[in-house]
Amino acid sequence: MSAATIRVGDLVHVQGQERAVRDMKALPGRRKLLIFDGGATYLLSPASCLPAYRSQPCP
């Protein structure tokens, strides 16, 4: 996923760990600051892609 497609609740792989995106903040230059459960953060630039998946709600 990229900065343009990431959403709160997505699970992303960062530095060898799977983390849930708890919150995000838009930053200048189309960057996003991802805030994970536990308070860890990651700066995602528009050119970056992260391995991730989105859980689907049950019908």
PDB file of N, CA and C in Angstrom:
ATOM      1  N   MET A   1       0.847  -1.169   0.000  1.00  0.00           N
ATOM      2  CA  MET A   1       0.000   0.000   0.000  1.00  0.00           C
ATOM      3  C   MET A   1       0.894   1.233   0.000  1.00  0.00           C
ATOM      4  N   SER A   2       0.335   2.294  -0.499  1.00  0.00           N
ATOM      5  CA  SER A   2       1.083   3.549  -0.582  1.00  0.00           C
ATOM      6  C   SER A   2       0.427   4.597   0.306  1.00  0.00           C
ATOM      7  N   ALA A   3       1.042   5.764   0.386  1.00  0.00           N
ATOM      8  CA  ALA A   3       0.489   6.855   1.188  1.00  0.00           C
ATOM      9  C   ALA A   3      -0.898   7.257   0.697  1.00  0.00           C
ATOM     10  N   ALA A   4      -1.172   7.060  -0.586  1.00  0.00           N
ATOM     11  CA  ALA A   4      -2.475   7.440  -1.141  1.00  0.00           C
ATOM     12  C   ALA A   4      -3.570   6.422  -0.827  1.00  0.00           C
ATOM     13  N   THR A   5      -3.193   5.171  -0.525  1.00  0.00           N
ATOM     14  CA  THR A   5      -4.207   4.130  -0.372  1.00  0.00           C
ATOM     15  C   THR A   5      -4.327   3.563   1.035  1.00  0.00           C
ATOM     16  N   ILE A   6      -3.395   3.867   1.905  1.00  0.00           N
ATOM     17  CA  ILE A   6      -3.420   3.312   3.262  1.00  0.00           C
ATOM     18  C   ILE A   6      -4.602   3.870   4.045  1.00  0.00           C
ATOM     19  N   ARG A   7      -5.197   3.041   4.911  1.00  0.00           N
ATOM     20  CA  ARG A   7      -6.336   3.475   5.730  1.00  0.00           C
ATOM     21  C   ARG A   7      -6.164   2.998   7.161  1.00  0.00           C
ATOM     22  N   VAL A   8      -6.831   3.668   8.076  1.00  0.00           N
ATOM     23  CA  VAL A   8      -6.850   3.231   9.467  1.00  0.00           C
ATOM     24  C   VAL A   8      -7.432   1.818   9.513  1.00  0.00           C
ATOM     25  N   GLY A   9      -6.804   0.948  10.272  1.00  0.00           N
ATOM     26  CA  GLY A   9      -7.247  -0.441  10.390  1.00  0.00           C
ATOM     27  C   GLY A   9      -6.446  -1.393   9.521  1.00  0.00           C
ATOM     28  N   ASP A  10      -5.716  -0.875   8.527  1.00  0.00           N
ATOM     29  CA  ASP A  10      -4.887  -1.737   7.683  1.00  0.00           C
ATOM     30  C   ASP A  10      -3.759  -2.338   8.515  1.00  0.00           C
ATOM     31  N   LEU A  11      -3.350  -3.532   8.151  1.00  0.00           N
ATOM     32  CA  LEU A  11      -2.207  -4.189   8.777  1.00  0.00           C
ATOM     33  C   LEU A  11      -1.034  -4.079   7.824  1.00  0.00           C
ATOM     34  N   VAL A  12       0.063  -3.495   8.281  1.00  0.00           N
ATOM     35  CA  VAL A  12       1.230  -3.283   7.425  1.00  0.00           C
ATOM     36  C   VAL A  12       2.446  -3.972   8.030  1.00  0.00           C
ATOM     37  N   HIS A  13       3.388  -4.321   7.177  1.00  0.00           N
ATOM     38  CA  HIS A  13       4.638  -4.934   7.615  1.00  0.00           C
ATOM     39  C   HIS A  13       5.716  -3.861   7.603  1.00  0.00           C
ATOM     40  N   VAL A  14       6.222  -3.522   8.787  1.00  0.00           N
ATOM     41  CA  VAL A  14       7.252  -2.503   8.946  1.00  0.00           C
ATOM     42  C   VAL A  14       8.365  -3.087   9.804  1.00  0.00           C
ATOM     43  N   GLN A  15       9.587  -3.046   9.279  1.00  0.00           N
ATOM     44  CA  GLN A  15      10.762  -3.513  10.007  1.00  0.00           C
ATOM     45  C   GLN A  15      10.568  -4.919  10.568  1.00  0.00           C
ATOM     46  N   GLY A  16       9.999  -5.797   9.740  1.00  0.00           N
ATOM     47  CA  GLY A  16       9.839  -7.191  10.103  1.00  0.00           C
ATOM     48  C   GLY A  16       8.679  -7.500  11.031  1.00  0.00           C
ATOM     49  N   GLN A  17       7.856  -6.516  11.327  1.00  0.00           N
ATOM     50  CA  GLN A  17       6.720  -6.731  12.216  1.00  0.00           C
ATOM     51  C   GLN A  17       5.423  -6.318  11.541  1.00  0.00           C
ATOM     52  N   GLU A  18       4.365  -7.040  11.869  1.00  0.00           N
ATOM     53  CA  GLU A  18       3.037  -6.659  11.385  1.00  0.00           C
ATOM     54  C   GLU A  18       2.425  -5.713  12.404  1.00  0.00           C
ATOM     55  N   ARG A  19       1.971  -4.573  11.912  1.00  0.00           N
ATOM     56  CA  ARG A  19       1.406  -3.558  12.804  1.00  0.00           C
ATOM     57  C   ARG A  19       0.071  -3.067  12.260  1.00  0.00           C
ATOM     58  N   ALA A  20      -0.853  -2.786  13.174  1.00  0.00           N
ATOM     59  CA  ALA A  20      -2.156  -2.235  12.803  1.00  0.00           C
ATOM     60  C   ALA A  20      -2.089  -0.713  12.841  1.00  0.00           C
ATOM     61  N   VAL A  21      -2.583  -0.076  11.786  1.00  0.00           N
ATOM     62  CA  VAL A  21      -2.618   1.394  11.734  1.00  0.00           C
ATOM     63  C   VAL A  21      -3.780   1.864  12.608  1.00  0.00           C
ATOM     64  N   ARG A  22      -3.451   2.591  13.677  1.00  0.00           N
ATOM     65  CA  ARG A  22      -4.463   3.092  14.604  1.00  0.00           C
ATOM     66  C   ARG A  22      -4.954   4.476  14.207  1.00  0.00           C
ATOM     67  N   ASP A  23      -4.030   5.301  13.656  1.00  0.00           N
ATOM     68  CA  ASP A  23      -4.367   6.668  13.269  1.00  0.00           C
ATOM     69  C   ASP A  23      -3.357   7.129  12.227  1.00  0.00           C
ATOM     70  N   MET A  24      -3.670   8.202  11.531  1.00  0.00           N
ATOM     71  CA  MET A  24      -2.773   8.776  10.522  1.00  0.00           C
ATOM     72  C   MET A  24      -2.877  10.288  10.564  1.00  0.00           C
ATOM     73  N   LYS A  25      -1.786  10.919  10.157  1.00  0.00           N
ATOM     74  CA  LYS A  25      -1.795  12.375  10.008  1.00  0.00           C
ATOM     75  C   LYS A  25      -1.225  12.706   8.642  1.00  0.00           C
ATOM     76  N   ALA A  26      -1.927  13.558   7.897  1.00  0.00           N
ATOM     77  CA  ALA A  26      -1.431  14.019   6.604  1.00  0.00           C
ATOM     78  C   ALA A  26      -0.362  15.066   6.844  1.00  0.00           C
ATOM     79  N   LEU A  27       0.738  14.959   6.099  1.00  0.00           N
ATOM     80  CA  LEU A  27       1.853  15.890   6.209  1.00  0.00           C
ATOM     81  C   LEU A  27       2.099  16.541   4.857  1.00  0.00           C
ATOM     82  N   PRO A  28       2.811  17.656   4.838  1.00  0.00           N
ATOM     83  CA  PRO A  28       3.131  18.303   3.557  1.00  0.00           C
ATOM     84  C   PRO A  28       3.874  17.334   2.628  1.00  0.00           C
ATOM     85  N   GLY A  29       3.688  17.525   1.346  1.00  0.00           N
ATOM     86  CA  GLY A  29       4.352  16.695   0.356  1.00  0.00           C
ATOM     87  C   GLY A  29       3.667  15.352   0.139  1.00  0.00           C
ATOM     88  N   ARG A  30       2.391  15.255   0.470  1.00  0.00           N
ATOM     89  CA  ARG A  30       1.591  14.033   0.308  1.00  0.00           C
ATOM     90  C   ARG A  30       2.128  12.869   1.132  1.00  0.00           C
ATOM     91  N   ARG A  31       2.838  13.184   2.208  1.00  0.00           N
ATOM     92  CA  ARG A  31       3.329  12.151   3.107  1.00  0.00           C
ATOM     93  C   ARG A  31       2.292  11.899   4.192  1.00  0.00           C
ATOM     94  N   LYS A  32       2.396  10.738   4.842  1.00  0.00           N
ATOM     95  CA  LYS A  32       1.518  10.422   5.965  1.00  0.00           C
ATOM     96  C   LYS A  32       2.340   9.872   7.105  1.00  0.00           C
ATOM     97  N   LEU A  33       1.980  10.297   8.299  1.00  0.00           N
ATOM     98  CA  LEU A  33       2.558   9.742   9.503  1.00  0.00           C
ATOM     99  C   LEU A  33       1.596   8.679   9.998  1.00  0.00           C
ATOM    100  N   LEU A  34       2.038   7.424   9.959  1.00  0.00           N
ATOM    101  CA  LEU A  34       1.216   6.321  10.443  1.00  0.00           C
ATOM    102  C   LEU A  34       1.469   6.148  11.926  1.00  0.00           C
ATOM    103  N   ILE A  35       0.405   5.985  12.685  1.00  0.00           N
ATOM    104  CA  ILE A  35       0.495   5.756  14.117  1.00  0.00           C
ATOM    105  C   ILE A  35      -0.083   4.375  14.381  1.00  0.00           C
ATOM    106  N   PHE A  36       0.738   3.521  14.974  1.00  0.00           N
ATOM    107  CA  PHE A  36       0.363   2.131  15.192  1.00  0.00           C
ATOM    108  C   PHE A  36      -0.116   1.911  16.620  1.00  0.00           C
ATOM    109  N   ASP A  37      -0.773   0.770  16.839  1.00  0.00           N
ATOM    110  CA  ASP A  37      -1.110   0.360  18.196  1.00  0.00           C
ATOM    111  C   ASP A  37       0.175   0.348  19.007  1.00  0.00           C
ATOM    112  N   GLY A  38       0.136   0.857  20.207  1.00  0.00           N
ATOM    113  CA  GLY A  38       1.325   0.945  21.037  1.00  0.00           C
ATOM    114  C   GLY A  38       2.050   2.260  20.896  1.00  0.00           C
ATOM    115  N   GLY A  39       1.638   3.113  19.943  1.00  0.00           N
ATOM    116  CA  GLY A  39       2.211   4.446  19.813  1.00  0.00           C
ATOM    117  C   GLY A  39       3.385   4.577  18.873  1.00  0.00           C
ATOM    118  N   ALA A  40       3.906   3.481  18.320  1.00  0.00           N
ATOM    119  CA  ALA A  40       5.004   3.579  17.363  1.00  0.00           C
ATOM    120  C   ALA A  40       4.519   4.325  16.122  1.00  0.00           C
ATOM    121  N   THR A  41       5.447   5.011  15.441  1.00  0.00           N
ATOM    122  CA  THR A  41       5.086   5.773  14.246  1.00  0.00           C
ATOM    123  C   THR A  41       5.984   5.386  13.076  1.00  0.00           C
ATOM    124  N   TYR A  42       5.509   5.715  11.875  1.00  0.00           N
ATOM    125  CA  TYR A  42       6.275   5.467  10.650  1.00  0.00           C
ATOM    126  C   TYR A  42       5.897   6.540   9.645  1.00  0.00           C
ATOM    127  N   LEU A  43       6.896   7.176   9.044  1.00  0.00           N
ATOM    128  CA  LEU A  43       6.656   8.203   8.039  1.00  0.00           C
ATOM    129  C   LEU A  43       6.607   7.545   6.665  1.00  0.00           C
ATOM    130  N   LEU A  44       5.486   7.661   5.995  1.00  0.00           N
ATOM    131  CA  LEU A  44       5.277   7.044   4.683  1.00  0.00           C
ATOM    132  C   LEU A  44       5.282   8.134   3.618  1.00  0.00           C
ATOM    133  N   SER A  45       6.274   8.075   2.736  1.00  0.00           N
ATOM    134  CA  SER A  45       6.363   9.060   1.657  1.00  0.00           C
ATOM    135  C   SER A  45       5.493   8.613   0.484  1.00  0.00           C
ATOM    136  N   PRO A  46       5.170   9.522  -0.442  1.00  0.00           N
ATOM    137  CA  PRO A  46       4.296   9.147  -1.558  1.00  0.00           C
ATOM    138  C   PRO A  46       4.912   8.098  -2.479  1.00  0.00           C
ATOM    139  N   ALA A  47       6.231   7.986  -2.501  1.00  0.00           N
ATOM    140  CA  ALA A  47       6.882   7.011  -3.377  1.00  0.00           C
ATOM    141  C   ALA A  47       7.080   5.656  -2.702  1.00  0.00           C
ATOM    142  N   SER A  48       6.802   5.561  -1.409  1.00  0.00           N
ATOM    143  CA  SER A  48       7.004   4.314  -0.663  1.00  0.00           C
ATOM    144  C   SER A  48       5.817   3.379  -0.812  1.00  0.00           C
ATOM    145  N   CYS A  49       6.106   2.095  -0.783  1.00  0.00           N
ATOM    146  CA  CYS A  49       5.057   1.069  -0.743  1.00  0.00           C
ATOM    147  C   CYS A  49       5.378   0.107   0.384  1.00  0.00           C
ATOM    148  N   LEU A  50       4.361  -0.300   1.118  1.00  0.00           N
ATOM    149  CA  LEU A  50       4.520  -1.245   2.214  1.00  0.00           C
ATOM    150  C   LEU A  50       3.690  -2.488   1.929  1.00  0.00           C
ATOM    151  N   PRO A  51       4.220  -3.665   2.265  1.00  0.00           N
ATOM    152  CA  PRO A  51       3.377  -4.858   2.205  1.00  0.00           C
ATOM    153  C   PRO A  51       2.282  -4.711   3.260  1.00  0.00           C
ATOM    154  N   ALA A  52       1.048  -4.913   2.855  1.00  0.00           N
ATOM    155  CA  ALA A  52      -0.062  -4.700   3.783  1.00  0.00           C
ATOM    156  C   ALA A  52      -1.283  -5.473   3.319  1.00  0.00           C
ATOM    157  N   TYR A  53      -2.219  -5.619   4.234  1.00  0.00           N
ATOM    158  CA  TYR A  53      -3.522  -6.144   3.837  1.00  0.00           C
ATOM    159  C   TYR A  53      -4.603  -5.473   4.652  1.00  0.00           C
ATOM    160  N   ARG A  54      -5.774  -5.525   4.114  1.00  0.00           N
ATOM    161  CA  ARG A  54      -6.943  -4.878   4.701  1.00  0.00           C
ATOM    162  C   ARG A  54      -7.939  -5.971   5.055  1.00  0.00           C
ATOM    163  N   SER A  55      -8.305  -6.030   6.313  1.00  0.00           N
ATOM    164  CA  SER A  55      -9.305  -7.024   6.711  1.00  0.00           C
ATOM    165  C   SER A  55     -10.684  -6.574   6.223  1.00  0.00           C
ATOM    166  N   GLN A  56     -11.443  -7.499   5.763  1.00  0.00           N
ATOM    167  CA  GLN A  56     -12.776  -7.201   5.242  1.00  0.00           C
ATOM    168  C   GLN A  56     -13.823  -7.477   6.308  1.00  0.00           C
ATOM    169  N   PRO A  57     -14.792  -6.608   6.454  1.00  0.00           N
ATOM    170  CA  PRO A  57     -15.856  -6.870   7.440  1.00  0.00           C
ATOM    171  C   PRO A  57     -16.704  -8.053   6.997  1.00  0.00           C
ATOM    172  N   CYS A  58     -17.212  -8.779   7.970  1.00  0.00           N
ATOM    173  CA  CYS A  58     -18.079  -9.924   7.672  1.00  0.00           C
ATOM    174  C   CYS A  58     -19.411  -9.420   7.130  1.00  0.00           C
ATOM    175  N   PRO A  59     -19.970 -10.101   6.132  1.00  0.00           N
ATOM    176  CA  PRO A  59     -21.271  -9.656   5.582  1.00  0.00           C
ATOM    177  C   PRO A  59     -22.413  -9.899   6.535  1.00  0.00           C
TER     178      PRO A  59
END
